Amino acid sequence: MPGAPVYHLDIVIDDSMTTVEGRQTVYYTNQEDTPLREIVFHLHANVLDSAIAVSDLTVDGVAARTAISGSSRSILTVALPAPLPPGESVTIDLRFRTDVATTIGRNYGVLAFSEGILALAHFYPMLSVYDDTGWNVAEADIQGDLTYSDAAYYLVRVSAPVGIAVVASGVGVEAQGSRGAGEQGGEERQTTTYAVGPARDFYLAAGAFVVVSERVGATTINSYAPAELADGAALALDVAAATLAINEARLSPFPYTELDIVTTPTAALGIEYPGLIVGTLRMYDIAAETRSGVPMSDILESTTAHEVVHQWFYNLVGNDQLDEPWLDESMTGYQTYRYYVDRYGQSAGDGYFANFAARWEGVDRAEIPIGLPVRAYRGAEYGAIVYGRGPFFLRELEETLGRETFDTFLRDYAATYRWGISDTAAFRALAEGHCTCDLGQLFADWVYE
């Protein structure tokens, strides 16, 4: 991917695990067809009950004029000294400090230190996407995912306290120990450099974890959890291995040599990141049940499979998760149903599909379009429609095309938009190309407003 953004980060996690100080260098190439007068970053930490401050920002070594905007002060605009022509590059260097929330708050607590575990999502300045409207500066809703990002490359050096396991996107390419503060007798620290790319984001978690591992093809899968939840880690590993093998056979090869699974106190059941998935602590007690009597082992299996499928739909094939969340969430839900079919048979798949019906029932099966932005859904509508009704649309599409043609279409979709960004129009056009039919009425009935 020549011209993809490149991030170099050097971060220090303090001993309290609540502050991150870092230096970030971004090598940015203008891949648009128009000169750019500015470059825009998202400061997602300011949305997530945390706080990020940026200082010492330069463009090609020269101090630059910047502006902070947005209702949460989460948009950082960097004025360029001269318009950047298509194909040309600049280097943006900055320092930042992120103070991490200590409660599970907005957007499921994806950026928080709680129960001795640090969840470090979207903690650094992230490049905005330049699309048909210019720099996309939309702020995330309290539901759904926060990020809409181009694929980039990351090289990240992490200094952290000793005695904890650090789990991060990508692979560790260098590790060493060092003394803190440069003082004799200072606290021992661990320093590891991680590399990942192409990737939509970089994520890190840290805590007192044990790990179990398995190799699937060219990929090593590592599953991390506190020692008392080791059985949950083993189950998550088994499910991830099966899901990876199924989707490699049916969609495309997994793009990385490592996949990590880690548990945090997140309020969501699971969350996806490049080369890494998160599952909530409460479902790792697999001997327990939910209040409605569902075994936690069942919840852990379906959640783990769902998040692994996101490695294809969100990361490999990108989309605007704020404006068109159905493209990754409905698709991933449907492909999780196919995991159950492929692993256990059609009857088991049909049994799992009933979960979508139950979610849709949450709004009395209202025929609300699945293709709306996250902010357009009210209350329970987002989960009921995008996660519940969306898979029903994809089942209708599969039945219209036939399963064999549908699977061929998805393989083509994954290849055509590999590391790019898709949208509803592109999805429909490619599907129509495979069925040589007009899907306008089907999309009108299910997707469009």
Protein backbone atom coordinates (compact mmCIF):
# COMPACT_ATOMS: atom_id res chain seq x y z
CA MET A 1 0.00 0.00 0.00
CA PRO A 2 2.29 2.78 -1.19
CA GLY A 3 1.18 6.11 0.21
CA ALA A 4 -0.66 4.68 3.23
CA PRO A 5 -0.16 6.70 6.42
CA VAL A 6 2.63 5.56 8.72
CA TYR A 7 2.48 6.13 12.48
CA HIS A 8 5.50 5.95 14.75
CA LEU A 9 4.56 6.15 18.43
CA ASP A 10 6.74 6.07 21.52
CA ILE A 11 4.55 5.85 24.65
CA VAL A 12 5.11 5.55 28.38
CA ILE A 13 2.36 4.09 30.59
CA ASP A 14 2.88 5.36 34.13
CA ASP A 15 2.96 3.09 37.16
CA SER A 16 -0.64 3.97 38.07
CA MET A 17 -1.74 2.78 34.61
CA THR A 18 -3.89 5.92 34.27
CA THR A 19 -1.60 8.23 32.29
CA VAL A 20 0.03 7.76 28.90
CA GLU A 21 2.66 10.17 27.65
CA GLY A 22 3.85 9.86 24.09
CA ARG A 23 5.55 11.20 21.04
CA GLN A 24 3.92 10.56 17.68
CA THR A 25 5.27 11.01 14.18
CA VAL A 26 2.93 10.59 11.22
CA TYR A 27 4.20 10.30 7.66
CA TYR A 28 1.26 11.43 5.54
CA THR A 29 0.97 11.27 1.75
CA ASN A 30 -1.82 13.10 -0.06
CA GLN A 31 -3.65 10.34 -1.93
CA GLU A 32 -6.51 12.61 -3.00
CA ASP A 33 -6.90 14.34 -6.37
CA THR A 34 -6.82 17.83 -4.89
CA PRO A 35 -4.21 19.79 -2.90
CA LEU A 36 -4.73 19.75 0.86
CA ARG A 37 -4.38 22.90 2.95
CA GLU A 38 -4.80 21.16 6.28
CA ILE A 39 -4.71 17.74 7.91
CA VAL A 40 -7.26 16.71 10.52
CA PHE A 41 -6.97 14.37 13.51
CA HIS A 42 -9.57 12.95 15.90
CA LEU A 43 -8.85 13.22 19.62
CA HIS A 44 -11.20 10.41 20.62
CA ALA A 45 -10.04 10.37 24.24
CA ASN A 46 -11.88 13.66 24.77
CA VAL A 47 -15.13 11.89 23.85
CA LEU A 48 -14.46 8.87 26.06
CA ASP A 49 -14.54 10.38 29.57
CA SER A 50 -10.74 10.65 29.33
CA ALA A 51 -8.62 13.63 28.28
CA ILE A 52 -5.88 14.15 25.70
CA ALA A 53 -3.65 17.19 25.30
CA VAL A 54 -1.35 17.76 22.30
CA SER A 55 1.79 19.90 22.32
CA ASP A 56 4.97 20.68 20.35
CA LEU A 57 3.33 19.98 16.99
CA THR A 58 5.47 20.55 13.91
CA VAL A 59 5.05 20.00 10.17
CA ASP A 60 8.32 19.04 8.49
CA GLY A 61 10.14 20.33 11.55
CA VAL A 62 8.46 23.75 11.65
CA ALA A 63 5.94 24.77 14.32
CA ALA A 64 2.43 24.65 12.85
CA ARG A 65 -0.80 26.53 13.50
CA THR A 66 -3.48 24.29 15.02
CA ALA A 67 -7.11 24.56 16.10
CA ILE A 68 -9.30 22.44 18.38
CA SER A 69 -13.02 22.17 17.59
CA GLY A 70 -16.09 19.98 18.08
CA SER A 71 -18.53 19.74 20.95
CA SER A 72 -16.12 17.48 22.85
CA ARG A 73 -13.00 19.32 21.65
CA SER A 74 -12.13 16.19 19.75
CA ILE A 75 -11.13 17.60 16.34
CA LEU A 76 -7.54 18.78 15.83
CA THR A 77 -6.93 20.71 12.61
CA VAL A 78 -3.34 21.25 11.51
CA ALA A 79 -2.75 24.05 9.01
CA LEU A 80 -0.08 23.20 6.44
CA PRO A 81 2.51 25.86 5.57
CA ALA A 82 1.64 25.41 1.88
CA PRO A 83 -0.96 23.33 -0.01
CA LEU A 84 0.12 19.69 -0.23
CA PRO A 85 -0.15 18.52 -3.85
CA PRO A 86 -1.46 15.04 -4.72
CA GLY A 87 1.26 12.44 -4.28
CA GLU A 88 3.39 14.63 -2.01
CA SER A 89 4.13 13.93 1.66
CA VAL A 90 4.61 15.70 4.97
CA THR A 91 5.85 14.65 8.38
CA ILE A 92 3.82 15.67 11.40
CA ASP A 93 5.48 15.35 14.77
CA LEU A 94 3.79 15.96 18.14
CA ARG A 95 3.69 15.10 21.80
CA PHE A 96 0.58 14.08 23.68
CA ARG A 97 -0.61 13.17 27.15
CA THR A 98 -3.71 11.05 27.74
CA ASP A 99 -5.30 10.81 31.18
CA VAL A 100 -7.32 7.60 31.24
CA ALA A 101 -10.77 7.30 32.81
CA THR A 102 -11.05 5.06 35.88
CA THR A 103 -14.72 4.16 35.41
CA ILE A 104 -16.53 2.22 32.67
CA GLY A 105 -18.33 5.09 31.00
CA ARG A 106 -19.02 6.23 27.45
CA ASN A 107 -18.98 3.84 24.52
CA TYR A 108 -18.64 0.74 26.69
CA GLY A 109 -15.49 1.83 28.54
CA VAL A 110 -13.12 1.11 25.66
CA LEU A 111 -10.61 3.58 27.14
CA ALA A 112 -10.45 2.97 30.90
CA PHE A 113 -8.44 1.53 33.78
CA SER A 114 -10.74 -0.64 35.90
CA GLU A 115 -10.45 -3.85 37.94
CA GLY A 116 -6.68 -3.78 37.48
CA ILE A 117 -6.93 -3.89 33.68
CA LEU A 118 -5.99 -1.08 31.31
CA ALA A 119 -8.01 -0.87 28.08
CA LEU A 120 -6.25 1.58 25.78
CA ALA A 121 -8.38 2.26 22.71
CA HIS A 122 -8.14 5.38 20.51
CA PHE A 123 -5.75 6.98 22.99
CA TYR A 124 -3.58 8.85 20.44
CA PRO A 125 -4.39 11.47 17.75
CA MET A 126 -5.91 9.51 14.84
CA LEU A 127 -6.00 10.78 11.27
CA SER A 128 -9.43 11.62 9.93
CA VAL A 129 -10.64 10.20 6.61
CA TYR A 130 -10.75 12.52 3.63
CA ASP A 131 -13.83 11.45 1.66
CA ASP A 132 -16.41 12.92 -0.70
CA THR A 133 -17.33 15.57 1.87
CA GLY A 134 -13.75 16.55 2.66
CA TRP A 135 -12.25 15.79 6.06
CA ASN A 136 -14.78 13.69 7.95
CA VAL A 137 -15.16 15.33 11.36
CA ALA A 138 -18.29 13.54 12.60
CA GLU A 139 -18.21 12.80 16.31
CA ALA A 140 -19.27 9.39 17.57
CA ASP A 141 -22.66 8.70 19.10
CA ILE A 142 -22.86 7.13 22.57
CA GLN A 143 -23.79 3.85 20.86
CA GLY A 144 -21.74 1.96 18.32
CA ASP A 145 -18.11 2.24 17.28
CA LEU A 146 -16.08 5.44 17.33
CA THR A 147 -13.74 5.16 14.43
CA TYR A 148 -13.88 5.55 10.68
CA SER A 149 -10.33 5.29 9.45
CA ASP A 150 -8.10 4.47 6.54
CA ALA A 151 -5.72 1.54 6.80
CA ALA A 152 -2.26 2.58 7.96
CA TYR A 153 1.02 1.17 9.26
CA TYR A 154 2.05 1.36 12.92
CA LEU A 155 5.37 1.01 14.73
CA VAL A 156 4.75 1.53 18.45
CA ARG A 157 7.26 1.40 21.30
CA VAL A 158 5.56 0.85 24.66
CA SER A 159 7.16 1.37 28.08
CA ALA A 160 5.05 -0.15 30.86
CA PRO A 161 5.43 -1.29 34.47
CA VAL A 162 6.82 -4.77 35.00
CA GLY A 163 4.66 -7.54 36.41
CA ILE A 164 1.85 -7.13 33.88
CA ALA A 165 1.18 -8.62 30.49
CA VAL A 166 0.91 -6.11 27.64
CA VAL A 167 -1.32 -7.27 24.77
CA ALA A 168 -1.27 -5.14 21.62
CA SER A 169 -2.21 -5.09 17.97
CA GLY A 170 0.45 -6.62 15.76
CA VAL A 171 3.58 -8.51 16.75
CA GLY A 172 6.32 -7.65 19.18
CA VAL A 173 9.48 -7.03 17.19
CA GLU A 174 11.78 -5.98 20.04
CA ALA A 175 11.62 -6.29 23.83
CA GLN A 176 13.87 -5.18 26.66
CA GLY A 177 13.90 -4.18 30.33
CA SER A 178 14.96 -0.77 31.63
CA ARG A 179 15.03 1.34 34.77
CA GLY A 180 12.49 4.13 35.18
CA ALA A 181 13.39 7.80 35.39
CA GLY A 182 17.02 7.00 34.55
CA GLU A 183 17.84 6.75 38.24
CA GLN A 184 19.77 4.11 40.14
CA GLY A 185 17.29 2.01 42.06
CA GLY A 186 14.40 3.23 39.92
CA GLU A 187 11.44 1.03 39.12
CA GLU A 188 12.07 -1.71 36.58
CA ARG A 189 10.05 -1.30 33.40
CA GLN A 190 9.41 -3.35 30.28
CA THR A 191 9.74 -1.91 26.81
CA THR A 192 8.35 -3.62 23.71
CA THR A 193 8.05 -2.41 20.14
CA TYR A 194 5.02 -3.58 18.16
CA ALA A 195 4.49 -3.53 14.41
CA VAL A 196 1.16 -3.88 12.61
CA GLY A 197 -0.19 -2.95 9.23
CA PRO A 198 -2.16 -2.40 7.21
CA ALA A 199 -4.55 -1.73 10.10
CA ARG A 200 -7.42 0.65 10.91
CA ASP A 201 -6.21 1.37 14.46
CA PHE A 202 -3.77 0.38 17.19
CA TYR A 203 -5.03 -1.07 20.49
CA LEU A 204 -3.38 -2.11 23.72
CA ALA A 205 -4.54 -3.81 26.94
CA ALA A 206 -2.50 -4.55 30.04
CA GLY A 207 -3.10 -6.54 33.20
CA ALA A 208 -2.22 -9.64 35.21
CA PHE A 209 -3.04 -12.22 32.54
CA VAL A 210 -2.17 -15.82 31.80
CA VAL A 211 -2.08 -16.93 28.17
CA VAL A 212 -2.89 -20.03 26.13
CA SER A 213 -1.95 -20.29 22.46
CA GLU A 214 -2.64 -22.28 19.31
CA ARG A 215 -1.44 -22.09 15.72
CA VAL A 216 -3.91 -22.08 12.81
CA GLY A 217 -2.18 -22.16 9.43
CA ALA A 218 0.24 -19.23 9.39
CA THR A 219 -1.37 -17.51 12.40
CA THR A 220 -0.58 -17.86 16.10
CA ILE A 221 -3.61 -17.18 18.31
CA ASN A 222 -2.99 -16.06 21.90
CA SER A 223 -5.82 -15.91 24.46
CA TYR A 224 -5.27 -13.82 27.63
CA ALA A 225 -7.30 -13.68 30.85
CA PRO A 226 -6.77 -13.45 34.62
CA ALA A 227 -5.63 -16.81 36.04
CA GLU A 228 -8.99 -17.52 37.70
CA LEU A 229 -10.67 -17.25 34.27
CA ALA A 230 -8.24 -19.50 32.41
CA ASP A 231 -11.02 -21.89 31.34
CA GLY A 232 -12.73 -19.01 29.59
CA ALA A 233 -9.49 -18.13 27.83
CA ALA A 234 -9.19 -21.72 26.61
CA LEU A 235 -12.75 -21.70 25.24
CA ALA A 236 -12.19 -18.37 23.50
CA LEU A 237 -9.03 -19.81 21.92
CA ASP A 238 -10.91 -22.85 20.62
CA VAL A 239 -13.69 -20.71 19.11
CA ALA A 240 -11.26 -18.22 17.56
CA ALA A 241 -9.26 -21.03 15.96
CA ALA A 242 -12.39 -22.55 14.41
CA THR A 243 -13.71 -19.18 13.22
CA LEU A 244 -10.37 -18.24 11.68
CA ALA A 245 -10.17 -21.53 9.75
CA ILE A 246 -13.80 -21.26 8.55
CA ASN A 247 -13.45 -17.68 7.31
CA GLU A 248 -10.10 -18.29 5.67
CA ALA A 249 -11.72 -21.11 3.70
CA ARG A 250 -14.87 -19.17 2.82
CA LEU A 251 -13.66 -15.55 2.47
CA SER A 252 -9.90 -14.94 2.24
CA PRO A 253 -6.69 -15.58 4.15
CA PHE A 254 -6.33 -13.88 7.53
CA PRO A 255 -3.96 -10.95 6.94
CA TYR A 256 -1.74 -11.27 10.04
CA THR A 257 0.59 -13.83 11.62
CA GLU A 258 -0.84 -13.17 15.09
CA LEU A 259 -4.33 -12.82 16.55
CA ASP A 260 -4.73 -11.88 20.21
CA ILE A 261 -7.78 -12.29 22.44
CA VAL A 262 -7.96 -10.42 25.74
CA THR A 263 -10.63 -9.82 28.37
CA THR A 264 -11.39 -6.41 29.94
CA PRO A 265 -14.24 -5.01 32.08
CA THR A 266 -15.89 -3.43 29.02
CA ALA A 267 -19.67 -2.90 29.16
CA ALA A 268 -19.94 -4.42 25.67
CA LEU A 269 -19.84 -8.17 25.21
CA GLY A 270 -16.99 -7.82 22.75
CA ILE A 271 -15.10 -5.28 20.67
CA GLU A 272 -12.93 -5.64 17.59
CA TYR A 273 -9.53 -4.14 16.79
CA PRO A 274 -6.95 -5.01 14.11
CA GLY A 275 -5.36 -8.34 14.93
CA LEU A 276 -6.93 -8.28 18.40
CA ILE A 277 -10.36 -8.87 19.90
CA VAL A 278 -11.72 -8.03 23.35
CA GLY A 279 -14.30 -9.96 25.38
CA THR A 280 -15.89 -8.75 28.59
CA LEU A 281 -14.74 -10.21 31.91
CA ARG A 282 -18.20 -11.25 33.05
CA MET A 283 -18.66 -13.86 30.33
CA TYR A 284 -15.32 -15.57 31.01
CA ASP A 285 -16.80 -17.32 34.06
CA ILE A 286 -18.08 -20.08 31.81
CA ALA A 287 -19.61 -22.10 34.65
CA ALA A 288 -22.07 -19.26 35.29
CA GLU A 289 -25.33 -18.34 33.55
CA THR A 290 -27.05 -15.11 32.60
CA ARG A 291 -30.11 -14.00 34.56
CA SER A 292 -32.26 -15.57 31.86
CA GLY A 293 -30.48 -18.92 32.21
CA VAL A 294 -28.20 -18.80 29.14
CA PRO A 295 -24.81 -20.42 29.85
CA MET A 296 -21.96 -17.90 29.79
CA SER A 297 -20.05 -20.42 27.67
CA ASP A 298 -22.64 -19.88 24.91
CA ILE A 299 -22.29 -16.11 25.20
CA LEU A 300 -18.50 -16.37 25.08
CA GLU A 301 -18.62 -18.57 21.97
CA SER A 302 -20.97 -16.36 19.95
CA THR A 303 -19.17 -13.16 20.99
CA THR A 304 -15.71 -14.51 20.19
CA ALA A 305 -16.83 -15.77 16.78
CA HIS A 306 -18.49 -12.42 16.04
CA GLU A 307 -15.38 -10.40 16.91
CA VAL A 308 -13.09 -12.66 14.87
CA VAL A 309 -15.35 -12.16 11.82
CA HIS A 310 -14.85 -8.40 12.28
CA GLN A 311 -11.24 -8.94 11.21
CA TRP A 312 -12.70 -9.20 7.70
CA PHE A 313 -15.59 -6.72 7.98
CA TYR A 314 -14.31 -3.56 9.63
CA ASN A 315 -10.57 -4.11 9.30
CA LEU A 316 -9.84 -5.84 5.99
CA VAL A 317 -12.89 -4.23 4.32
CA GLY A 318 -13.44 -0.82 5.86
CA ASN A 319 -16.60 1.26 6.04
CA ASP A 320 -17.96 4.39 7.72
CA GLN A 321 -18.99 2.82 11.03
CA LEU A 322 -20.79 5.99 12.10
CA ASP A 323 -22.90 6.52 8.97
CA GLU A 324 -23.29 2.94 7.65
CA PRO A 325 -22.82 0.59 10.61
CA TRP A 326 -24.81 -2.19 8.94
CA LEU A 327 -21.94 -2.87 6.54
CA ASP A 328 -19.76 -4.28 9.29
CA GLU A 329 -22.18 -5.14 12.13
CA SER A 330 -25.04 -6.75 10.19
CA MET A 331 -22.54 -8.50 7.95
CA THR A 332 -20.55 -9.79 10.91
CA GLY A 333 -23.71 -10.99 12.64
CA TYR A 334 -24.72 -12.92 9.55
CA GLN A 335 -21.27 -14.44 9.12
CA THR A 336 -21.39 -15.53 12.77
CA TYR A 337 -24.56 -17.44 11.88
CA ARG A 338 -22.60 -19.05 9.05
CA TYR A 339 -19.90 -20.04 11.59
CA TYR A 340 -22.53 -22.07 13.43
CA VAL A 341 -23.73 -23.63 10.16
CA ASP A 342 -20.22 -24.53 9.05
CA ARG A 343 -19.09 -25.86 12.43
CA TYR A 344 -22.23 -27.57 13.75
CA GLY A 345 -24.65 -27.90 10.83
CA GLN A 346 -27.64 -26.02 9.43
CA SER A 347 -29.92 -26.92 12.35
CA ALA A 348 -27.52 -25.35 14.85
CA GLY A 349 -27.19 -22.33 12.58
CA ASP A 350 -30.97 -21.92 12.49
CA GLY A 351 -31.03 -22.11 16.26
CA TYR A 352 -28.47 -19.34 16.49
CA PHE A 353 -30.35 -17.24 13.93
CA ALA A 354 -33.28 -17.10 16.36
CA ASN A 355 -31.17 -14.67 18.42
CA PHE A 356 -31.54 -12.09 15.65
CA ALA A 357 -35.31 -12.48 15.75
CA ALA A 358 -35.28 -11.91 19.51
CA ARG A 359 -33.29 -8.70 19.09
CA TRP A 360 -35.59 -7.41 16.37
CA GLU A 361 -38.56 -8.18 18.61
CA GLY A 362 -37.17 -5.53 20.94
CA VAL A 363 -38.81 -2.95 18.66
CA ASP A 364 -41.78 -5.18 17.71
CA ARG A 365 -40.17 -6.00 14.36
CA ALA A 366 -40.51 -2.40 13.21
CA GLU A 367 -39.43 -2.10 9.56
CA ILE A 368 -36.85 0.59 10.29
CA PRO A 369 -34.14 0.70 7.58
CA ILE A 370 -30.88 -1.01 8.49
CA GLY A 371 -28.82 1.51 6.50
CA LEU A 372 -29.21 4.55 8.76
CA PRO A 373 -26.38 6.33 10.64
CA VAL A 374 -25.91 5.32 14.27
CA ARG A 375 -27.19 8.72 15.44
CA ALA A 376 -30.53 8.19 13.65
CA TYR A 377 -31.53 5.26 15.87
CA ARG A 378 -33.25 5.96 19.18
CA GLY A 379 -32.93 3.89 22.34
CA ALA A 380 -33.13 0.18 21.60
CA GLU A 381 -33.46 0.72 17.84
CA TYR A 382 -29.73 0.57 17.07
CA GLY A 383 -29.20 -2.91 18.50
CA ALA A 384 -32.59 -4.20 17.35
CA ILE A 385 -32.21 -3.04 13.76
CA VAL A 386 -28.50 -3.17 12.93
CA TYR A 387 -27.81 -6.36 14.92
CA GLY A 388 -31.28 -7.95 14.73
CA ARG A 389 -33.00 -6.95 11.47
CA GLY A 390 -29.77 -6.61 9.47
CA PRO A 391 -29.00 -10.35 9.32
CA PHE A 392 -32.55 -10.98 8.05
CA PHE A 393 -31.75 -8.76 5.06
CA LEU A 394 -28.56 -10.68 4.38
CA ARG A 395 -30.46 -13.96 4.56
CA GLU A 396 -32.90 -12.58 1.99
CA LEU A 397 -29.95 -11.55 -0.17
CA GLU A 398 -28.40 -15.00 0.13
CA GLU A 399 -31.68 -16.66 -0.81
CA THR A 400 -32.05 -14.31 -3.80
CA LEU A 401 -28.54 -15.07 -5.08
CA GLY A 402 -28.32 -18.67 -3.89
CA ARG A 403 -25.74 -19.68 -1.29
CA GLU A 404 -23.01 -20.57 -3.77
CA THR A 405 -23.31 -17.28 -5.67
CA PHE A 406 -23.64 -15.36 -2.40
CA ASP A 407 -20.39 -16.85 -1.10
CA THR A 408 -18.64 -16.11 -4.40
CA PHE A 409 -19.88 -12.52 -4.16
CA LEU A 410 -18.48 -12.17 -0.61
CA ARG A 411 -15.09 -13.51 -1.68
CA ASP A 412 -15.07 -10.98 -4.49
CA TYR A 413 -16.21 -8.25 -2.08
CA ALA A 414 -13.36 -9.01 0.33
CA ALA A 415 -10.84 -8.98 -2.52
CA THR A 416 -12.19 -5.87 -4.28
CA TYR A 417 -12.25 -3.69 -1.14
CA ARG A 418 -9.25 -5.21 0.62
CA TRP A 419 -7.78 -2.41 2.77
CA GLY A 420 -10.13 0.08 1.14
CA ILE A 421 -13.47 1.53 2.18
CA SER A 422 -16.79 0.22 0.91
CA ASP A 423 -20.26 1.75 1.07
CA THR A 424 -23.81 0.58 0.48
CA ALA A 425 -23.82 1.57 -3.19
CA ALA A 426 -20.63 -0.39 -3.85
CA PHE A 427 -21.97 -3.42 -1.96
CA ARG A 428 -25.17 -3.43 -3.98
CA ALA A 429 -23.43 -2.90 -7.33
CA LEU A 430 -21.08 -5.83 -6.78
CA ALA A 431 -23.93 -8.08 -5.64
CA GLU A 432 -25.97 -7.17 -8.74
CA GLY A 433 -22.96 -7.99 -10.87
CA HIS A 434 -22.90 -11.50 -9.46
CA CYS A 435 -26.61 -12.19 -9.79
CA THR A 436 -27.10 -10.18 -13.04
CA CYS A 437 -30.29 -8.88 -11.46
CA ASP A 438 -31.80 -5.68 -10.10
CA LEU A 439 -31.75 -5.66 -6.29
CA GLY A 440 -33.35 -2.23 -6.02
CA GLN A 441 -36.58 -3.42 -4.42
CA LEU A 442 -34.77 -5.64 -1.91
CA PHE A 443 -32.57 -2.75 -0.79
CA ALA A 444 -35.60 -0.43 -0.69
CA ASP A 445 -37.46 -2.85 1.55
CA TRP A 446 -34.60 -3.38 4.00
CA VAL A 447 -31.73 -0.89 3.70
CA TYR A 448 -32.74 2.54 2.42
CA GLU A 449 -34.60 5.19 4.34
